[in-house]
Structures are given as C-alpha cells and as structure tokens.
Amino acid sequence: RNCGFALVFEGLNPLTTTDDRLRAQLAGRPVVR
C-alpha cells in the first residue's frame, strides 16, 4: 500500500485495489524483517 507506484507495474491501482486482491497478488512472496 505504501510503495504505491510499484504496484502499477503489477497491474494494480494501490488506491482502489482490495486487500483480498493484494493478498492474492503477494501470495508466496517472501517477507523479510
């Protein structure tokens, strides 16, 4: 949500995309702290 413009390259609008759609798009991607 906070990277905004990067989601456009994924074919998503960060302002209108639902959390469910984002979850589906991000599924399987690693998250590192």
PDB file of all heavy atoms in Angstrom:
ATOM      1  N   ARG A   1       0.832  -1.211   0.000  1.00  0.00           N
ATOM      2  CA  ARG A   1       0.000   0.000   0.000  1.00  0.00           C
ATOM      3  C   ARG A   1       0.866   1.260   0.000  1.00  0.00           C
ATOM      4  O   ARG A   1       0.536   2.245  -0.635  1.00  0.00           O
ATOM      5  CB  ARG A   1      -0.915   0.019   1.215  1.00  0.00           C
ATOM      6  CG  ARG A   1      -2.018  -0.968   1.152  1.00  0.00           C
ATOM      7  CD  ARG A   1      -3.248  -0.333   0.565  1.00  0.00           C
ATOM      8  NE  ARG A   1      -4.321  -1.323   0.554  1.00  0.00           N
ATOM      9  CZ  ARG A   1      -5.095  -1.507  -0.472  1.00  0.00           C
ATOM     10  NH1 ARG A   1      -4.957  -0.777  -1.551  1.00  0.00           N
ATOM     11  NH2 ARG A   1      -6.040  -2.408  -0.441  1.00  0.00           N
ATOM     12  N   ASN A   2       1.970   1.227   0.732  1.00  0.00           N
ATOM     13  CA  ASN A   2       2.795   2.422   0.874  1.00  0.00           C
ATOM     14  C   ASN A   2       3.792   2.625  -0.248  1.00  0.00           C
ATOM     15  O   ASN A   2       4.320   3.716  -0.407  1.00  0.00           O
ATOM     16  CB  ASN A   2       3.520   2.400   2.226  1.00  0.00           C
ATOM     17  CG  ASN A   2       2.554   2.605   3.360  1.00  0.00           C
ATOM     18  OD1 ASN A   2       1.725   3.485   3.317  1.00  0.00           O
ATOM     19  ND2 ASN A   2       2.641   1.762   4.371  1.00  0.00           N
ATOM     20  N   CYS A   3       4.070   1.590  -1.041  1.00  0.00           N
ATOM     21  CA  CYS A   3       5.010   1.762  -2.148  1.00  0.00           C
ATOM     22  C   CYS A   3       4.312   2.369  -3.354  1.00  0.00           C
ATOM     23  O   CYS A   3       4.962   2.903  -4.238  1.00  0.00           O
ATOM     24  CB  CYS A   3       5.693   0.456  -2.504  1.00  0.00           C
ATOM     25  SG  CYS A   3       4.619  -0.727  -3.322  1.00  0.00           S
ATOM     26  N   GLY A   4       2.992   2.291  -3.386  1.00  0.00           N
ATOM     27  CA  GLY A   4       2.194   2.983  -4.391  1.00  0.00           C
ATOM     28  C   GLY A   4       2.549   2.671  -5.824  1.00  0.00           C
ATOM     29  O   GLY A   4       2.019   1.741  -6.411  1.00  0.00           O
ATOM     30  N   PHE A   5       3.452   3.439  -6.385  1.00  0.00           N
ATOM     31  CA  PHE A   5       3.747   3.386  -7.809  1.00  0.00           C
ATOM     32  C   PHE A   5       4.237   2.018  -8.249  1.00  0.00           C
ATOM     33  O   PHE A   5       3.972   1.590  -9.368  1.00  0.00           O
ATOM     34  CB  PHE A   5       4.765   4.465  -8.161  1.00  0.00           C
ATOM     35  CG  PHE A   5       4.992   4.610  -9.629  1.00  0.00           C
ATOM     36  CD1 PHE A   5       3.988   5.092 -10.439  1.00  0.00           C
ATOM     37  CD2 PHE A   5       6.194   4.249 -10.197  1.00  0.00           C
ATOM     38  CE1 PHE A   5       4.183   5.228 -11.805  1.00  0.00           C
ATOM     39  CE2 PHE A   5       6.407   4.384 -11.559  1.00  0.00           C
ATOM     40  CZ  PHE A   5       5.399   4.879 -12.361  1.00  0.00           C
ATOM     41  N   ALA A   6       4.927   1.294  -7.382  1.00  0.00           N
ATOM     42  CA  ALA A   6       5.439  -0.028  -7.754  1.00  0.00           C
ATOM     43  C   ALA A   6       4.303  -0.987  -8.079  1.00  0.00           C
ATOM     44  O   ALA A   6       4.457  -1.876  -8.911  1.00  0.00           O
ATOM     45  CB  ALA A   6       6.307  -0.586  -6.638  1.00  0.00           C
ATOM     46  N   LEU A   7       3.146  -0.822  -7.438  1.00  0.00           N
ATOM     47  CA  LEU A   7       2.017  -1.699  -7.724  1.00  0.00           C
ATOM     48  C   LEU A   7       1.477  -1.502  -9.141  1.00  0.00           C
ATOM     49  O   LEU A   7       0.889  -2.414  -9.710  1.00  0.00           O
ATOM     50  CB  LEU A   7       0.890  -1.484  -6.719  1.00  0.00           C
ATOM     51  CG  LEU A   7       1.090  -2.094  -5.345  1.00  0.00           C
ATOM     52  CD1 LEU A   7      -0.109  -1.799  -4.461  1.00  0.00           C
ATOM     53  CD2 LEU A   7       1.324  -3.575  -5.435  1.00  0.00           C
ATOM     54  N   VAL A   8       1.678  -0.332  -9.698  1.00  0.00           N
ATOM     55  CA  VAL A   8       1.223  -0.073 -11.067  1.00  0.00           C
ATOM     56  C   VAL A   8       1.906  -1.042 -12.029  1.00  0.00           C
ATOM     57  O   VAL A   8       1.292  -1.531 -12.974  1.00  0.00           O
ATOM     58  CB  VAL A   8       1.497   1.397 -11.460  1.00  0.00           C
ATOM     59  CG1 VAL A   8       1.190   1.647 -12.921  1.00  0.00           C
ATOM     60  CG2 VAL A   8       0.680   2.331 -10.572  1.00  0.00           C
ATOM     61  N   PHE A   9       3.163  -1.360 -11.767  1.00  0.00           N
ATOM     62  CA  PHE A   9       3.891  -2.313 -12.612  1.00  0.00           C
ATOM     63  C   PHE A   9       3.346  -3.725 -12.454  1.00  0.00           C
ATOM     64  O   PHE A   9       3.603  -4.587 -13.286  1.00  0.00           O
ATOM     65  CB  PHE A   9       5.387  -2.284 -12.301  1.00  0.00           C
ATOM     66  CG  PHE A   9       6.033  -0.992 -12.701  1.00  0.00           C
ATOM     67  CD1 PHE A   9       6.458  -0.094 -11.744  1.00  0.00           C
ATOM     68  CD2 PHE A   9       6.196  -0.666 -14.031  1.00  0.00           C
ATOM     69  CE1 PHE A   9       7.046   1.099 -12.105  1.00  0.00           C
ATOM     70  CE2 PHE A   9       6.784   0.531 -14.408  1.00  0.00           C
ATOM     71  CZ  PHE A   9       7.201   1.412 -13.440  1.00  0.00           C
ATOM     72  N   GLU A  10       2.630  -3.967 -11.385  1.00  0.00           N
ATOM     73  CA  GLU A  10       1.981  -5.258 -11.158  1.00  0.00           C
ATOM     74  C   GLU A  10       0.586  -5.282 -11.772  1.00  0.00           C
ATOM     75  O   GLU A  10      -0.124  -6.269 -11.685  1.00  0.00           O
ATOM     76  CB  GLU A  10       1.867  -5.535  -9.654  1.00  0.00           C
ATOM     77  CG  GLU A  10       3.180  -5.609  -8.938  1.00  0.00           C
ATOM     78  CD  GLU A  10       3.673  -7.015  -8.776  1.00  0.00           C
ATOM     79  OE1 GLU A  10       2.889  -7.955  -8.965  1.00  0.00           O
ATOM     80  OE2 GLU A  10       4.854  -7.180  -8.465  1.00  0.00           O
ATOM     81  N   GLY A  11       0.157  -4.150 -12.340  1.00  0.00           N
ATOM     82  CA  GLY A  11      -1.172  -4.069 -12.929  1.00  0.00           C
ATOM     83  C   GLY A  11      -2.257  -3.755 -11.915  1.00  0.00           C
ATOM     84  O   GLY A  11      -3.428  -4.017 -12.164  1.00  0.00           O
ATOM     85  N   LEU A  12      -1.869  -3.186 -10.774  1.00  0.00           N
ATOM     86  CA  LEU A  12      -2.817  -2.866  -9.713  1.00  0.00           C
ATOM     87  C   LEU A  12      -2.807  -1.378  -9.406  1.00  0.00           C
ATOM     88  O   LEU A  12      -1.770  -0.732  -9.481  1.00  0.00           O
ATOM     89  CB  LEU A  12      -2.469  -3.631  -8.437  1.00  0.00           C
ATOM     90  CG  LEU A  12      -2.464  -5.147  -8.528  1.00  0.00           C
ATOM     91  CD1 LEU A  12      -1.929  -5.742  -7.235  1.00  0.00           C
ATOM     92  CD2 LEU A  12      -3.856  -5.668  -8.810  1.00  0.00           C
ATOM     93  N   ASN A  13      -3.957  -0.843  -9.039  1.00  0.00           N
ATOM     94  CA  ASN A  13      -4.048   0.532  -8.577  1.00  0.00           C
ATOM     95  C   ASN A  13      -4.009   0.500  -7.055  1.00  0.00           C
ATOM     96  O   ASN A  13      -4.922  -0.036  -6.427  1.00  0.00           O
ATOM     97  CB  ASN A  13      -5.350   1.170  -9.063  1.00  0.00           C
ATOM     98  CG  ASN A  13      -5.479   2.617  -8.631  1.00  0.00           C
ATOM     99  OD1 ASN A  13      -4.865   3.055  -7.667  1.00  0.00           O
ATOM    100  ND2 ASN A  13      -6.291   3.356  -9.354  1.00  0.00           N
ATOM    101  N   PRO A  14      -2.972   1.077  -6.429  1.00  0.00           N
ATOM    102  CA  PRO A  14      -2.837   0.985  -4.977  1.00  0.00           C
ATOM    103  C   PRO A  14      -3.968   1.682  -4.224  1.00  0.00           C
ATOM    104  O   PRO A  14      -4.212   1.390  -3.065  1.00  0.00           O
ATOM    105  CB  PRO A  14      -1.491   1.640  -4.689  1.00  0.00           C
ATOM    106  CG  PRO A  14      -1.218   2.490  -5.875  1.00  0.00           C
ATOM    107  CD  PRO A  14      -1.882   1.836  -7.037  1.00  0.00           C
ATOM    108  N   LEU A  15      -4.666   2.592  -4.876  1.00  0.00           N
ATOM    109  CA  LEU A  15      -5.735   3.326  -4.205  1.00  0.00           C
ATOM    110  C   LEU A  15      -7.069   2.594  -4.246  1.00  0.00           C
ATOM    111  O   LEU A  15      -7.924   2.806  -3.393  1.00  0.00           O
ATOM    112  CB  LEU A  15      -5.890   4.718  -4.835  1.00  0.00           C
ATOM    113  CG  LEU A  15      -4.647   5.599  -4.803  1.00  0.00           C
ATOM    114  CD1 LEU A  15      -4.886   6.892  -5.554  1.00  0.00           C
ATOM    115  CD2 LEU A  15      -4.217   5.857  -3.372  1.00  0.00           C
ATOM    116  N   THR A  16      -7.261   1.732  -5.229  1.00  0.00           N
ATOM    117  CA  THR A  16      -8.559   1.073  -5.381  1.00  0.00           C
ATOM    118  C   THR A  16      -8.509  -0.448  -5.208  1.00  0.00           C
ATOM    119  O   THR A  16      -9.550  -1.074  -5.112  1.00  0.00           O
ATOM    120  CB  THR A  16      -9.152   1.372  -6.774  1.00  0.00           C
ATOM    121  OG1 THR A  16      -8.257   0.896  -7.777  1.00  0.00           O
ATOM    122  CG2 THR A  16      -9.368   2.860  -6.962  1.00  0.00           C
ATOM    123  N   THR A  17      -7.324  -1.025  -5.155  1.00  0.00           N
ATOM    124  CA  THR A  17      -7.188  -2.474  -5.028  1.00  0.00           C
ATOM    125  C   THR A  17      -7.613  -2.920  -3.635  1.00  0.00           C
ATOM    126  O   THR A  17      -7.234  -2.315  -2.640  1.00  0.00           O
ATOM    127  CB  THR A  17      -5.738  -2.893  -5.284  1.00  0.00           C
ATOM    128  OG1 THR A  17      -5.384  -2.491  -6.597  1.00  0.00           O
ATOM    129  CG2 THR A  17      -5.556  -4.378  -5.161  1.00  0.00           C
ATOM    130  N   THR A  18      -8.363  -3.988  -3.564  1.00  0.00           N
ATOM    131  CA  THR A  18      -8.804  -4.518  -2.270  1.00  0.00           C
ATOM    132  C   THR A  18      -7.683  -5.308  -1.608  1.00  0.00           C
ATOM    133  O   THR A  18      -6.746  -5.767  -2.275  1.00  0.00           O
ATOM    134  CB  THR A  18     -10.017  -5.445  -2.451  1.00  0.00           C
ATOM    135  OG1 THR A  18      -9.602  -6.584  -3.213  1.00  0.00           O
ATOM    136  CG2 THR A  18     -11.166  -4.734  -3.151  1.00  0.00           C
ATOM    137  N   ASP A  19      -7.797  -5.474  -0.303  1.00  0.00           N
ATOM    138  CA  ASP A  19      -6.811  -6.278   0.418  1.00  0.00           C
ATOM    139  C   ASP A  19      -6.803  -7.720  -0.074  1.00  0.00           C
ATOM    140  O   ASP A  19      -5.752  -8.351  -0.150  1.00  0.00           O
ATOM    141  CB  ASP A  19      -7.087  -6.240   1.922  1.00  0.00           C
ATOM    142  CG  ASP A  19      -6.648  -4.930   2.569  1.00  0.00           C
ATOM    143  OD1 ASP A  19      -5.965  -4.137   1.899  1.00  0.00           O
ATOM    144  OD2 ASP A  19      -6.990  -4.720   3.747  1.00  0.00           O
ATOM    145  N   ASP A  20      -7.982  -8.233  -0.416  1.00  0.00           N
ATOM    146  CA  ASP A  20      -8.048  -9.616  -0.923  1.00  0.00           C
ATOM    147  C   ASP A  20      -7.274  -9.760  -2.230  1.00  0.00           C
ATOM    148  O   ASP A  20      -6.567 -10.736  -2.450  1.00  0.00           O
ATOM    149  CB  ASP A  20      -9.502 -10.045  -1.123  1.00  0.00           C
ATOM    150  CG  ASP A  20     -10.230 -10.228   0.198  1.00  0.00           C
ATOM    151  OD1 ASP A  20      -9.550 -10.494   1.216  1.00  0.00           O
ATOM    152  OD2 ASP A  20     -11.468 -10.092   0.205  1.00  0.00           O
ATOM    153  N   ARG A  21      -7.394  -8.774  -3.106  1.00  0.00           N
ATOM    154  CA  ARG A  21      -6.660  -8.803  -4.389  1.00  0.00           C
ATOM    155  C   ARG A  21      -5.157  -8.702  -4.137  1.00  0.00           C
ATOM    156  O   ARG A  21      -4.360  -9.391  -4.771  1.00  0.00           O
ATOM    157  CB  ARG A  21      -7.149  -7.659  -5.286  1.00  0.00           C
ATOM    158  CG  ARG A  21      -6.417  -7.549  -6.605  1.00  0.00           C
ATOM    159  CD  ARG A  21      -6.800  -8.703  -7.529  1.00  0.00           C
ATOM    160  NE  ARG A  21      -6.152  -8.516  -8.802  1.00  0.00           N
ATOM    161  CZ  ARG A  21      -5.189  -9.310  -9.272  1.00  0.00           C
ATOM    162  NH1 ARG A  21      -4.813 -10.366  -8.597  1.00  0.00           N
ATOM    163  NH2 ARG A  21      -4.634  -9.074 -10.431  1.00  0.00           N
ATOM    164  N   LEU A  22      -4.776  -7.841  -3.186  1.00  0.00           N
ATOM    165  CA  LEU A  22      -3.355  -7.715  -2.851  1.00  0.00           C
ATOM    166  C   LEU A  22      -2.819  -9.021  -2.261  1.00  0.00           C
ATOM    167  O   LEU A  22      -1.715  -9.447  -2.596  1.00  0.00           O
ATOM    168  CB  LEU A  22      -3.144  -6.589  -1.848  1.00  0.00           C
ATOM    169  CG  LEU A  22      -2.931  -5.205  -2.424  1.00  0.00           C
ATOM    170  CD1 LEU A  22      -2.810  -4.184  -1.311  1.00  0.00           C
ATOM    171  CD2 LEU A  22      -1.721  -5.149  -3.311  1.00  0.00           C
ATOM    172  N   ARG A  23      -3.592  -9.640  -1.379  1.00  0.00           N
ATOM    173  CA  ARG A  23      -3.173 -10.927  -0.798  1.00  0.00           C
ATOM    174  C   ARG A  23      -2.916 -11.954  -1.895  1.00  0.00           C
ATOM    175  O   ARG A  23      -1.923 -12.685  -1.863  1.00  0.00           O
ATOM    176  CB  ARG A  23      -4.241 -11.446   0.157  1.00  0.00           C
ATOM    177  CG  ARG A  23      -4.213 -10.825   1.505  1.00  0.00           C
ATOM    178  CD  ARG A  23      -5.211 -11.508   2.447  1.00  0.00           C
ATOM    179  NE  ARG A  23      -5.416 -10.685   3.610  1.00  0.00           N
ATOM    180  CZ  ARG A  23      -6.393  -9.783   3.751  1.00  0.00           C
ATOM    181  NH1 ARG A  23      -7.298  -9.626   2.811  1.00  0.00           N
ATOM    182  NH2 ARG A  23      -6.482  -9.059   4.842  1.00  0.00           N
ATOM    183  N   ALA A  24      -3.828 -12.016  -2.866  1.00  0.00           N
ATOM    184  CA  ALA A  24      -3.670 -12.967  -3.969  1.00  0.00           C
ATOM    185  C   ALA A  24      -2.426 -12.648  -4.787  1.00  0.00           C
ATOM    186  O   ALA A  24      -1.677 -13.540  -5.198  1.00  0.00           O
ATOM    187  CB  ALA A  24      -4.910 -12.948  -4.858  1.00  0.00           C
ATOM    188  N   GLN A  25      -2.179 -11.360  -5.026  1.00  0.00           N
ATOM    189  CA  GLN A  25      -1.024 -10.938  -5.830  1.00  0.00           C
ATOM    190  C   GLN A  25       0.289 -11.221  -5.099  1.00  0.00           C
ATOM    191  O   GLN A  25       1.285 -11.568  -5.714  1.00  0.00           O
ATOM    192  CB  GLN A  25      -1.146  -9.441  -6.145  1.00  0.00           C
ATOM    193  CG  GLN A  25      -0.127  -8.907  -7.107  1.00  0.00           C
ATOM    194  CD  GLN A  25      -0.462  -9.205  -8.549  1.00  0.00           C
ATOM    195  OE1 GLN A  25      -1.555  -9.651  -8.869  1.00  0.00           O
ATOM    196  NE2 GLN A  25       0.464  -8.951  -9.422  1.00  0.00           N
ATOM    197  N   LEU A  26       0.277 -11.055  -3.779  1.00  0.00           N
ATOM    198  CA  LEU A  26       1.505 -11.193  -2.996  1.00  0.00           C
ATOM    199  C   LEU A  26       1.730 -12.608  -2.455  1.00  0.00           C
ATOM    200  O   LEU A  26       2.756 -12.858  -1.824  1.00  0.00           O
ATOM    201  CB  LEU A  26       1.484 -10.200  -1.825  1.00  0.00           C
ATOM    202  CG  LEU A  26       1.393  -8.729  -2.203  1.00  0.00           C
ATOM    203  CD1 LEU A  26       1.199  -7.874  -0.965  1.00  0.00           C
ATOM    204  CD2 LEU A  26       2.616  -8.285  -2.977  1.00  0.00           C
ATOM    205  N   ALA A  27       0.811 -13.503  -2.709  1.00  0.00           N
ATOM    206  CA  ALA A  27       0.922 -14.864  -2.175  1.00  0.00           C
ATOM    207  C   ALA A  27       2.228 -15.516  -2.620  1.00  0.00           C
ATOM    208  O   ALA A  27       2.610 -15.452  -3.787  1.00  0.00           O
ATOM    209  CB  ALA A  27      -0.269 -15.700  -2.644  1.00  0.00           C
ATOM    210  N   GLY A  28       2.910 -16.103  -1.676  1.00  0.00           N
ATOM    211  CA  GLY A  28       4.141 -16.817  -1.983  1.00  0.00           C
ATOM    212  C   GLY A  28       5.386 -15.958  -2.026  1.00  0.00           C
ATOM    213  O   GLY A  28       6.488 -16.479  -2.173  1.00  0.00           O
ATOM    214  N   ARG A  29       5.248 -14.649  -1.885  1.00  0.00           N
ATOM    215  CA  ARG A  29       6.437 -13.787  -1.892  1.00  0.00           C
ATOM    216  C   ARG A  29       7.026 -13.724  -0.484  1.00  0.00           C
ATOM    217  O   ARG A  29       6.300 -13.623   0.494  1.00  0.00           O
ATOM    218  CB  ARG A  29       6.078 -12.386  -2.365  1.00  0.00           C
ATOM    219  CG  ARG A  29       5.620 -12.417  -3.806  1.00  0.00           C
ATOM    220  CD  ARG A  29       5.566 -11.058  -4.373  1.00  0.00           C
ATOM    221  NE  ARG A  29       4.900 -11.111  -5.673  1.00  0.00           N
ATOM    222  CZ  ARG A  29       4.733 -10.064  -6.419  1.00  0.00           C
ATOM    223  NH1 ARG A  29       5.144  -8.885  -6.016  1.00  0.00           N
ATOM    224  NH2 ARG A  29       4.144 -10.176  -7.581  1.00  0.00           N
ATOM    225  N   PRO A  30       8.328 -13.764  -0.401  1.00  0.00           N
ATOM    226  CA  PRO A  30       8.938 -13.737   0.936  1.00  0.00           C
ATOM    227  C   PRO A  30       8.832 -12.353   1.576  1.00  0.00           C
ATOM    228  O   PRO A  30       8.855 -11.335   0.902  1.00  0.00           O
ATOM    229  CB  PRO A  30      10.400 -14.092   0.664  1.00  0.00           C
ATOM    230  CG  PRO A  30      10.624 -13.701  -0.752  1.00  0.00           C
ATOM    231  CD  PRO A  30       9.307 -13.889  -1.459  1.00  0.00           C
ATOM    232  N   VAL A  31       8.703 -12.355   2.882  1.00  0.00           N
ATOM    233  CA  VAL A  31       8.719 -11.125   3.672  1.00  0.00           C
ATOM    234  C   VAL A  31       9.890 -11.269   4.634  1.00  0.00           C
ATOM    235  O   VAL A  31       9.997 -12.260   5.350  1.00  0.00           O
ATOM    236  CB  VAL A  31       7.398 -10.933   4.447  1.00  0.00           C
ATOM    237  CG1 VAL A  31       7.480  -9.699   5.335  1.00  0.00           C
ATOM    238  CG2 VAL A  31       6.239 -10.818   3.473  1.00  0.00           C
ATOM    239  N   VAL A  32      10.773 -10.289   4.642  1.00  0.00           N
ATOM    240  CA  VAL A  32      11.979 -10.350   5.454  1.00  0.00           C
ATOM    241  C   VAL A  32      12.001  -9.167   6.413  1.00  0.00           C
ATOM    242  O   VAL A  32      11.744  -8.029   6.014  1.00  0.00           O
ATOM    243  CB  VAL A  32      13.246 -10.304   4.559  1.00  0.00           C
ATOM    244  CG1 VAL A  32      14.503 -10.355   5.392  1.00  0.00           C
ATOM    245  CG2 VAL A  32      13.214 -11.427   3.543  1.00  0.00           C
ATOM    246  N   ARG A  33      12.271  -9.431   7.668  1.00  0.00           N
ATOM    247  CA  ARG A  33      12.435  -8.361   8.656  1.00  0.00           C
ATOM    248  C   ARG A  33      13.922  -8.074   8.783  1.00  0.00           C
ATOM    249  O   ARG A  33      14.730  -8.987   8.999  1.00  0.00           O
ATOM    250  CB  ARG A  33      11.879  -8.788  10.003  1.00  0.00           C
ATOM    251  CG  ARG A  33      12.053  -7.700  11.064  1.00  0.00           C
ATOM    252  CD  ARG A  33      11.607  -8.178  12.402  1.00  0.00           C
ATOM    253  NE  ARG A  33      10.223  -8.603  12.268  1.00  0.00           N
ATOM    254  CZ  ARG A  33       9.387  -8.710  13.276  1.00  0.00           C
ATOM    255  NH1 ARG A  33       9.785  -8.453  14.485  1.00  0.00           N
ATOM    256  NH2 ARG A  33       8.150  -9.110  13.076  1.00  0.00           N
TER     257      ARG A  33
END
